[in-house]
C-alpha atoms as a PDB file:
ATOM      1  CA  MET A   1     -29.657  41.492   4.815  1.00  0.00           C
ATOM      2  CA  PRO A   2     -28.280  38.040   3.855  1.00  0.00           C
ATOM      3  CA  ALA A   3     -27.131  35.767   6.940  1.00  0.00           C
ATOM      4  CA  ASP A   4     -23.517  35.813   5.454  1.00  0.00           C
ATOM      5  CA  SER A   5     -23.270  39.470   5.173  1.00  0.00           C
ATOM      6  CA  ILE A   6     -21.384  39.562   8.583  1.00  0.00           C
ATOM      7  CA  LYS A   7     -18.016  38.824   7.588  1.00  0.00           C
ATOM      8  CA  SER A   8     -15.169  37.985   9.701  1.00  0.00           C
ATOM      9  CA  SER A   9     -11.867  40.347   9.216  1.00  0.00           C
ATOM     10  CA  LYS A  10      -9.676  37.214   8.661  1.00  0.00           C
ATOM     11  CA  HIS A  11      -8.676  36.325   5.205  1.00  0.00           C
ATOM     12  CA  VAL A  12      -8.488  32.551   4.218  1.00  0.00           C
ATOM     13  CA  LEU A  13      -5.278  32.295   6.913  1.00  0.00           C
ATOM     14  CA  ASP A  14      -3.442  35.614   6.750  1.00  0.00           C
ATOM     15  CA  PRO A  15       0.169  35.299   6.116  1.00  0.00           C
ATOM     16  CA  ILE A  16       0.668  35.676  10.130  1.00  0.00           C
ATOM     17  CA  ASP A  17      -1.828  32.819  10.660  1.00  0.00           C
ATOM     18  CA  ARG A  18       0.132  30.514   8.212  1.00  0.00           C
ATOM     19  CA  VAL A  19       3.541  31.217   9.979  1.00  0.00           C
ATOM     20  CA  ALA A  20       1.751  30.552  13.253  1.00  0.00           C
ATOM     21  CA  GLU A  21       0.467  27.205  12.216  1.00  0.00           C
ATOM     22  CA  ILE A  22       3.397  25.814  10.492  1.00  0.00           C
ATOM     23  CA  LEU A  23       5.455  26.695  13.549  1.00  0.00           C
ATOM     24  CA  PHE A  24       2.867  24.700  15.742  1.00  0.00           C
ATOM     25  CA  GLY A  25       3.134  21.832  13.329  1.00  0.00           C
ATOM     26  CA  LEU A  26       6.794  21.824  13.794  1.00  0.00           C
ATOM     27  CA  ILE A  27       6.935  22.155  17.490  1.00  0.00           C
ATOM     28  CA  MET A  28       4.573  19.128  17.858  1.00  0.00           C
ATOM     29  CA  VAL A  29       6.493  16.638  15.474  1.00  0.00           C
ATOM     30  CA  LEU A  30       9.816  17.650  16.905  1.00  0.00           C
ATOM     31  CA  THR A  31       8.744  16.571  20.244  1.00  0.00           C
ATOM     32  CA  PHE A  32       8.305  13.124  19.077  1.00  0.00           C
ATOM     33  CA  THR A  33      11.493  12.789  16.874  1.00  0.00           C
ATOM     34  CA  GLY A  34      13.335  14.274  19.606  1.00  0.00           C
ATOM     35  CA  SER A  35      12.633  11.870  22.068  1.00  0.00           C
ATOM     36  CA  LEU A  36      13.399   9.041  19.994  1.00  0.00           C
ATOM     37  CA  SER A  37      16.932   7.524  21.223  1.00  0.00           C
ATOM     38  CA  VAL A  38      18.719   6.296  17.814  1.00  0.00           C
ATOM     39  CA  ALA A  39      21.238   3.812  19.877  1.00  0.00           C
ATOM     40  CA  LYS A  40      18.374   1.879  21.071  1.00  0.00           C
ATOM     41  CA  ALA A  41      15.637   2.573  18.522  1.00  0.00           C
ATOM     42  CA  GLY A  42      14.674  -0.405  16.307  1.00  0.00           C
ATOM     43  CA  LYS A  43      11.932  -0.894  13.385  1.00  0.00           C
ATOM     44  CA  GLU A  44       9.129  -0.703  16.030  1.00  0.00           C
ATOM     45  CA  ASP A  45      10.213   2.064  17.914  1.00  0.00           C
ATOM     46  CA  ILE A  46      10.390   4.241  14.869  1.00  0.00           C
ATOM     47  CA  ARG A  47       7.087   2.952  13.389  1.00  0.00           C
ATOM     48  CA  THR A  48       5.721   4.084  16.889  1.00  0.00           C
ATOM     49  CA  MET A  49       7.160   7.353  16.638  1.00  0.00           C
ATOM     50  CA  LEU A  50       5.934   7.767  12.989  1.00  0.00           C
ATOM     51  CA  PHE A  51       2.318   6.948  13.662  1.00  0.00           C
ATOM     52  CA  SER A  52       2.353   8.948  17.125  1.00  0.00           C
ATOM     53  CA  ALA A  53       3.664  12.118  15.396  1.00  0.00           C
ATOM     54  CA  LEU A  54       1.257  11.646  12.318  1.00  0.00           C
ATOM     55  CA  GLY A  55      -1.886  10.926  14.715  1.00  0.00           C
ATOM     56  CA  CYS A  56      -0.823  13.927  17.134  1.00  0.00           C
ATOM     57  CA  ASN A  57      -0.581  16.535  14.577  1.00  0.00           C
ATOM     58  CA  PHE A  58      -3.853  14.929  12.736  1.00  0.00           C
ATOM     59  CA  ALA A  59      -5.696  15.445  16.130  1.00  0.00           C
ATOM     60  CA  TRP A  60      -4.281  19.026  16.760  1.00  0.00           C
ATOM     61  CA  GLY A  61      -5.151  19.854  13.131  1.00  0.00           C
ATOM     62  CA  ILE A  62      -8.542  19.106  13.854  1.00  0.00           C
ATOM     63  CA  ILE A  63      -8.536  20.719  17.008  1.00  0.00           C
ATOM     64  CA  ASP A  64      -7.089  24.022  15.883  1.00  0.00           C
ATOM     65  CA  ALA A  65      -9.720  24.040  12.796  1.00  0.00           C
ATOM     66  CA  VAL A  66     -12.455  23.932  15.156  1.00  0.00           C
ATOM     67  CA  LEU A  67     -10.877  26.675  17.439  1.00  0.00           C
ATOM     68  CA  TYR A  68     -10.430  28.612  14.340  1.00  0.00           C
ATOM     69  CA  LEU A  69     -14.032  28.367  13.414  1.00  0.00           C
ATOM     70  CA  MET A  70     -15.156  29.238  17.062  1.00  0.00           C
ATOM     71  CA  GLY A  71     -13.070  32.161  16.882  1.00  0.00           C
ATOM     72  CA  ILE A  72     -14.679  33.377  13.608  1.00  0.00           C
ATOM     73  CA  LEU A  73     -18.260  32.789  14.979  1.00  0.00           C
ATOM     74  CA  ALA A  74     -17.497  34.637  18.071  1.00  0.00           C
ATOM     75  CA  GLU A  75     -16.032  37.606  16.012  1.00  0.00           C
ATOM     76  CA  LYS A  76     -19.018  37.717  13.766  1.00  0.00           C
ATOM     77  CA  SER A  77     -21.418  37.763  16.605  1.00  0.00           C
ATOM     78  CA  ARG A  78     -19.837  40.576  18.051  1.00  0.00           C
ATOM     79  CA  SER A  79     -19.989  42.560  15.066  1.00  0.00           C
ATOM     80  CA  LEU A  80     -23.662  41.659  14.657  1.00  0.00           C
ATOM     81  CA  HIS A  81     -24.075  42.840  18.258  1.00  0.00           C
ATOM     82  CA  MET A  82     -22.499  46.212  17.663  1.00  0.00           C
ATOM     83  CA  LEU A  83     -24.322  46.595  14.575  1.00  0.00           C
ATOM     84  CA  ARG A  84     -27.510  45.752  16.142  1.00  0.00           C
ATOM     85  CA  ALA A  85     -26.773  48.351  19.279  1.00  0.00           C
ATOM     86  CA  MET A  86     -25.972  50.958  17.230  1.00  0.00           C
ATOM     87  CA  ARG A  87     -28.894  50.838  15.193  1.00  0.00           C
ATOM     88  CA  GLY A  88     -31.043  50.350  18.385  1.00  0.00           C
ATOM     89  CA  THR A  89     -29.714  53.501  19.739  1.00  0.00           C
ATOM     90  CA  SER A  90     -31.357  57.154  19.327  1.00  0.00           C
ATOM     91  CA  ASP A  91     -28.137  59.034  20.615  1.00  0.00           C
ATOM     92  CA  PRO A  92     -25.719  59.737  18.044  1.00  0.00           C
ATOM     93  CA  GLN A  93     -22.913  59.738  20.398  1.00  0.00           C
ATOM     94  CA  ASP A  94     -23.593  56.248  21.628  1.00  0.00           C
ATOM     95  CA  ALA A  95     -23.608  55.313  18.125  1.00  0.00           C
ATOM     96  CA  HIS A  96     -20.375  56.935  17.265  1.00  0.00           C
ATOM     97  CA  ARG A  97     -18.625  55.281  20.372  1.00  0.00           C
ATOM     98  CA  LEU A  98     -20.065  51.789  19.143  1.00  0.00           C
ATOM     99  CA  ILE A  99     -18.413  52.569  15.787  1.00  0.00           C
ATOM    100  CA  ALA A 100     -14.973  53.695  17.170  1.00  0.00           C
ATOM    101  CA  SER A 101     -14.856  50.439  19.232  1.00  0.00           C
ATOM    102  CA  ALA A 102     -15.278  48.421  16.198  1.00  0.00           C
ATOM    103  CA  LEU A 103     -12.622  49.928  14.317  1.00  0.00           C
ATOM    104  CA  PRO A 104      -8.528  49.692  14.988  1.00  0.00           C
ATOM    105  CA  PRO A 105      -7.433  52.001  17.436  1.00  0.00           C
ATOM    106  CA  LEU A 106      -5.254  53.879  15.148  1.00  0.00           C
ATOM    107  CA  VAL A 107      -7.987  54.170  12.883  1.00  0.00           C
ATOM    108  CA  ALA A 108     -10.660  55.052  15.471  1.00  0.00           C
ATOM    109  CA  SER A 109      -8.144  57.919  16.854  1.00  0.00           C
ATOM    110  CA  ILE A 110      -8.362  59.967  13.774  1.00  0.00           C
ATOM    111  CA  LEU A 111     -11.986  60.061  12.911  1.00  0.00           C
ATOM    112  CA  GLU A 112     -13.738  63.227  13.702  1.00  0.00           C
ATOM    113  CA  PRO A 113     -17.370  63.201  14.755  1.00  0.00           C
ATOM    114  CA  PRO A 114     -18.773  64.183  11.216  1.00  0.00           C
ATOM    115  CA  GLU A 115     -16.942  61.123   9.740  1.00  0.00           C
ATOM    116  CA  LEU A 116     -18.447  58.834  12.373  1.00  0.00           C
ATOM    117  CA  GLU A 117     -21.885  60.331  11.731  1.00  0.00           C
ATOM    118  CA  THR A 118     -21.390  59.610   7.847  1.00  0.00           C
ATOM    119  CA  ILE A 119     -20.541  55.914   8.834  1.00  0.00           C
ATOM    120  CA  ARG A 120     -23.536  55.782  11.224  1.00  0.00           C
ATOM    121  CA  ALA A 121     -25.735  56.947   8.576  1.00  0.00           C
ATOM    122  CA  ARG A 122     -24.735  54.562   5.928  1.00  0.00           C
ATOM    123  CA  LEU A 123     -24.935  51.559   8.414  1.00  0.00           C
ATOM    124  CA  GLN A 124     -28.555  52.952   9.278  1.00  0.00           C
ATOM    125  CA  GLN A 125     -29.590  52.483   5.543  1.00  0.00           C
ATOM    126  CA  LEU A 126     -28.409  48.920   5.542  1.00  0.00           C
ATOM    127  CA  PRO A 127     -31.207  46.179   5.399  1.00  0.00           C
ATOM    128  CA  ALA A 128     -32.015  45.035   8.736  1.00  0.00           C
ATOM    129  CA  PRO A 129     -29.416  42.542  10.020  1.00  0.00           C
ATOM    130  CA  PRO A 130     -29.711  38.657  10.105  1.00  0.00           C
ATOM    131  CA  ALA A 131     -30.935  37.037  13.442  1.00  0.00           C
ATOM    132  CA  HIS A 132     -27.934  34.765  13.469  1.00  0.00           C
ATOM    133  CA  VAL A 133     -24.606  34.524  11.973  1.00  0.00           C
ATOM    134  CA  TYR A 134     -23.117  31.436  10.168  1.00  0.00           C
ATOM    135  CA  TRP A 135     -20.029  29.988   8.836  1.00  0.00           C
ATOM    136  CA  SER A 136     -19.286  31.046   5.263  1.00  0.00           C
ATOM    137  CA  ARG A 137     -17.557  29.032   2.548  1.00  0.00           C
ATOM    138  CA  HIS A 138     -14.771  31.188   3.107  1.00  0.00           C
ATOM    139  CA  ASP A 139     -14.628  30.182   7.081  1.00  0.00           C
ATOM    140  CA  TRP A 140     -14.646  26.652   6.101  1.00  0.00           C
ATOM    141  CA  LEU A 141     -11.840  27.009   3.783  1.00  0.00           C
ATOM    142  CA  GLY A 142     -10.090  29.094   6.249  1.00  0.00           C
ATOM    143  CA  ALA A 143     -10.259  26.014   8.828  1.00  0.00           C
ATOM    144  CA  LEU A 144      -9.081  23.205   6.313  1.00  0.00           C
ATOM    145  CA  GLY A 145      -6.104  25.407   5.653  1.00  0.00           C
ATOM    146  CA  VAL A 146      -5.601  25.587   9.556  1.00  0.00           C
ATOM    147  CA  PHE A 147      -5.775  21.610   9.367  1.00  0.00           C
ATOM    148  CA  LEU A 148      -3.634  21.154   6.559  1.00  0.00           C
ATOM    149  CA  LEU A 149      -0.770  23.372   7.765  1.00  0.00           C
ATOM    150  CA  VAL A 150      -0.581  21.942  11.177  1.00  0.00           C
ATOM    151  CA  PHE A 151      -0.788  18.138   9.555  1.00  0.00           C
ATOM    152  CA  LEU A 152       1.342  18.862   6.442  1.00  0.00           C
ATOM    153  CA  ALA A 153       4.054  20.346   8.709  1.00  0.00           C
ATOM    154  CA  THR A 154       4.774  17.072  10.134  1.00  0.00           C
ATOM    155  CA  LEU A 155       5.479  15.306   6.757  1.00  0.00           C
ATOM    156  CA  PRO A 156       8.999  16.600   5.827  1.00  0.00           C
ATOM    157  CA  VAL A 157      10.004  16.137   9.165  1.00  0.00           C
ATOM    158  CA  VAL A 158       9.111  12.596   9.423  1.00  0.00           C
ATOM    159  CA  PHE A 159       9.804  11.603   5.785  1.00  0.00           C
ATOM    160  CA  PRO A 160      13.532  10.556   6.379  1.00  0.00           C
ATOM    161  CA  PHE A 161      12.540   7.868   8.754  1.00  0.00           C
ATOM    162  CA  ILE A 162      10.400   6.609   6.152  1.00  0.00           C
ATOM    163  CA  LEU A 163      12.863   6.770   3.320  1.00  0.00           C
ATOM    164  CA  MET A 164      15.867   5.809   5.219  1.00  0.00           C
ATOM    165  CA  HIS A 165      16.796   2.432   7.154  1.00  0.00           C
ATOM    166  CA  ASP A 166      19.502   3.922   9.305  1.00  0.00           C
ATOM    167  CA  ALA A 167      18.094   5.483  12.530  1.00  0.00           C
ATOM    168  CA  THR A 168      21.194   7.802  13.052  1.00  0.00           C
ATOM    169  CA  ARG A 169      21.172   9.204   9.595  1.00  0.00           C
ATOM    170  CA  SER A 170      17.343   9.759   9.456  1.00  0.00           C
ATOM    171  CA  LEU A 171      17.621  11.664  12.754  1.00  0.00           C
ATOM    172  CA  ARG A 172      20.187  13.816  11.444  1.00  0.00           C
ATOM    173  CA  VAL A 173      18.338  14.527   8.137  1.00  0.00           C
ATOM    174  CA  SER A 174      15.271  15.111   9.834  1.00  0.00           C
ATOM    175  CA  ASN A 175      16.705  17.677  12.259  1.00  0.00           C
ATOM    176  CA  ALA A 176      18.539  19.443   9.476  1.00  0.00           C
ATOM    177  CA  ILE A 177      14.804  19.757   7.585  1.00  0.00           C
ATOM    178  CA  ALA A 178      13.084  20.972  10.925  1.00  0.00           C
ATOM    179  CA  ILE A 179      15.858  23.565  11.272  1.00  0.00           C
ATOM    180  CA  ALA A 180      15.553  24.860   7.669  1.00  0.00           C
ATOM    181  CA  LEU A 181      11.761  24.908   8.263  1.00  0.00           C
ATOM    182  CA  LEU A 182      12.127  26.978  11.281  1.00  0.00           C
ATOM    183  CA  PHE A 183      14.510  29.251   9.899  1.00  0.00           C
ATOM    184  CA  PHE A 184      12.485  29.862   6.812  1.00  0.00           C
ATOM    185  CA  THR A 185       9.075  30.255   9.048  1.00  0.00           C
ATOM    186  CA  GLY A 186      11.304  32.953  10.961  1.00  0.00           C
ATOM    187  CA  TYR A 187      12.497  34.274   7.910  1.00  0.00           C
ATOM    188  CA  ALA A 188       9.086  34.860   6.307  1.00  0.00           C
ATOM    189  CA  TYR A 189       7.651  36.080   9.712  1.00  0.00           C
ATOM    190  CA  GLY A 190      10.379  38.823   9.673  1.00  0.00           C
ATOM    191  CA  ARG A 191       9.598  40.119   6.171  1.00  0.00           C
ATOM    192  CA  MET A 192       5.747  40.438   7.001  1.00  0.00           C
ATOM    193  CA  THR A 193       6.438  42.159  10.249  1.00  0.00           C
ATOM    194  CA  GLY A 194       9.186  44.603   9.035  1.00  0.00           C
ATOM    195  CA  ARG A 195      11.904  42.662  11.195  1.00  0.00           C
ATOM    196  CA  HIS A 196      15.135  41.716  10.100  1.00  0.00           C
ATOM    197  CA  PRO A 197      14.287  38.608   8.263  1.00  0.00           C
ATOM    198  CA  TRP A 198      17.831  36.683   8.636  1.00  0.00           C
ATOM    199  CA  LEU A 199      17.715  37.576  12.130  1.00  0.00           C
ATOM    200  CA  MET A 200      13.868  36.297  12.888  1.00  0.00           C
ATOM    201  CA  GLY A 201      15.028  33.305  11.069  1.00  0.00           C
ATOM    202  CA  ILE A 202      17.622  32.512  13.675  1.00  0.00           C
ATOM    203  CA  SER A 203      15.502  33.453  16.607  1.00  0.00           C
ATOM    204  CA  MET A 204      12.694  31.182  15.242  1.00  0.00           C
ATOM    205  CA  ILE A 205      15.055  28.256  15.349  1.00  0.00           C
ATOM    206  CA  LEU A 206      16.228  29.083  19.244  1.00  0.00           C
ATOM    207  CA  LEU A 207      12.567  29.517  20.122  1.00  0.00           C
ATOM    208  CA  GLY A 208      11.614  26.132  18.537  1.00  0.00           C
ATOM    209  CA  VAL A 209      14.451  24.583  20.162  1.00  0.00           C
ATOM    210  CA  ILE A 210      13.403  26.247  23.473  1.00  0.00           C
ATOM    211  CA  LEU A 211       9.649  25.334  22.861  1.00  0.00           C
ATOM    212  CA  VAL A 212      10.453  21.680  22.158  1.00  0.00           C
ATOM    213  CA  ALA A 213      12.856  21.206  24.989  1.00  0.00           C
ATOM    214  CA  ILE A 214       9.942  23.016  27.266  1.00  0.00           C
ATOM    215  CA  THR A 215       7.308  20.393  26.063  1.00  0.00           C
ATOM    216  CA  MET A 216       9.389  17.468  26.322  1.00  0.00           C
ATOM    217  CA  ALA A 217      10.464  18.205  29.959  1.00  0.00           C
ATOM    218  CA  LEU A 218       6.765  18.555  30.924  1.00  0.00           C
ATOM    219  CA  GLY A 219       6.237  15.466  29.459  1.00  0.00           C
ATOM    220  CA  GLY A 220       4.447  16.624  26.163  1.00  0.00           C
END
């Protein structure tokens, strides 16, 4: 069995992951733009804020990508351990229990012993599992996607400070962009989860404001 045959259940950033990463990036950059006092801000203050926001999201993008890869490796390792344990037991009931534990609870609850036995038999027919699991190209693409989503979420919010000279006007446009992005993030999340999209869009704005306020209050 090839080393990459133990695969993660994750797609290259499934839709829910994409929403979460964009929200995270927005929250991080808003903690910087929200702390800017336009009444006192000069060019140097705005420049410092821009570099801080971009640098922070760049760093957190890397951290999130590393955590994503660690999660993938842990999931693959659990799958490999389950496969080895299932193939190593001579008790069919133990094998069935291991297979059921690896399935989504709803799916496992409707499978009958003969169906679990069919799965066990087919798994037994597979070549020997690899000694170790590794990251695949698919996994590295997912990590790159995590990094890009966290970092690129910064750009629309900071662009007004780059393109405009008036700090007050820049902050207003930046906040409007951030609110729009939060709304569309919530709207997309609502459609994916079967919730009311407009309600989820408004809720995401409120959630974003609350999270930014908490982060700023705690010195983040």
